[in-house]
Amino acid sequence: MSYVVVRYPEPRDVFIDDESQGSNTAASGRLRALFCNAGKHTFRLSGACVDPPEQTVNVPDRPILNPYPVEFRKC
C-alpha cells in the first residue's frame, strides 16, 4: 500500500493508469494524498500545458503521512 501527492501549480484532475483519481488538491488548497499500490504506474493530468504530458514512476511503499511526490511543471 502506498500514497502519492501530485504536485502542479494549480488544481488538476489526476489519472493513474488511465483511471481518474479526482483533483490533486483538496478544497482547502492543500495537496491530496492519493492511494495507489506500490509499483510502476503512469500518471497524467487533465488539461493542457503540462510537462511532461505523462510519466511512468516506480512508486515505493509510502504511508499517508509521508506520501511519495510526483511532480509536473507548467509549460
Protein backbone atom coordinates (compact mmCIF):
# COMPACT_ATOMS: atom_id res chain seq x y z
CA MET A 1 0.00 0.00 0.00
CA SER A 2 1.30 3.43 -0.89
CA TYR A 3 0.25 7.06 -1.17
CA VAL A 4 1.35 9.79 -3.57
CA VAL A 5 0.88 13.55 -3.90
CA VAL A 6 0.82 15.04 -7.38
CA ARG A 7 2.40 18.49 -7.47
CA TYR A 8 1.35 21.05 -10.06
CA PRO A 9 0.99 24.85 -9.66
CA GLU A 10 -2.82 24.68 -9.90
CA PRO A 11 -5.62 22.16 -9.30
CA ARG A 12 -5.88 19.45 -11.96
CA ASP A 13 -7.59 16.09 -12.23
CA VAL A 14 -5.15 13.22 -11.79
CA PHE A 15 -5.20 9.97 -13.77
CA ILE A 16 -3.25 6.96 -12.55
CA ASP A 17 -3.07 4.20 -15.15
CA ASP A 18 -5.89 5.99 -17.04
CA GLU A 19 -8.23 5.89 -14.03
CA SER A 20 -9.49 9.18 -12.61
CA GLN A 21 -8.43 9.87 -9.03
CA GLY A 22 -10.06 13.30 -8.69
CA SER A 23 -8.24 16.56 -8.08
CA ASN A 24 -4.66 16.84 -6.88
CA THR A 25 -5.80 19.41 -4.31
CA ALA A 26 -8.43 19.47 -1.58
CA ALA A 27 -10.96 22.30 -1.18
CA SER A 28 -8.55 23.89 1.31
CA GLY A 29 -5.93 24.18 -1.45
CA ARG A 30 -3.62 21.60 0.12
CA LEU A 31 -2.31 18.66 -1.85
CA ARG A 32 -4.38 15.49 -1.52
CA ALA A 33 -2.73 12.17 -0.70
CA LEU A 34 -3.90 9.65 -3.30
CA PHE A 35 -3.84 5.90 -2.72
CA CYS A 36 -2.06 3.66 -5.19
CA ASN A 37 -0.33 0.33 -4.84
CA ALA A 38 3.46 0.29 -4.77
CA GLY A 39 4.99 -0.44 -8.18
CA LYS A 40 5.03 1.08 -11.67
CA HIS A 41 2.21 3.47 -12.53
CA THR A 42 1.61 6.01 -15.29
CA PHE A 43 0.48 9.45 -14.14
CA ARG A 44 -1.07 12.23 -16.20
CA LEU A 45 -3.06 15.38 -15.52
CA SER A 46 -6.11 16.85 -17.20
CA GLY A 47 -5.86 19.97 -19.33
CA ALA A 48 -3.12 21.48 -21.45
CA CYS A 49 0.32 22.90 -20.75
CA VAL A 50 1.58 20.06 -18.53
CA ASP A 51 5.22 18.98 -18.71
CA PRO A 52 5.78 16.10 -19.07
CA PRO A 53 2.40 15.11 -20.57
CA GLU A 54 2.63 11.81 -18.67
CA GLN A 55 5.22 9.95 -16.64
CA THR A 56 5.72 6.40 -15.52
CA VAL A 57 7.01 6.16 -11.96
CA ASN A 58 8.05 3.25 -9.77
CA VAL A 59 6.15 4.18 -6.60
CA PRO A 60 7.70 2.86 -3.37
CA ASP A 61 5.71 1.90 -0.25
CA ARG A 62 4.87 5.19 1.47
CA PRO A 63 2.46 5.97 4.33
CA ILE A 64 -0.30 8.58 4.05
CA LEU A 65 1.62 10.94 6.36
CA ASN A 66 4.67 10.86 4.06
CA PRO A 67 3.32 10.37 0.51
CA TYR A 68 5.62 9.94 -2.49
CA PRO A 69 5.77 13.13 -4.60
CA VAL A 70 5.09 13.06 -8.35
CA GLU A 71 5.87 16.43 -9.93
CA PHE A 72 4.64 18.09 -13.09
CA ARG A 73 5.55 21.56 -14.40
CA LYS A 74 3.55 24.17 -16.25
CA CYS A 75 4.67 24.75 -19.87
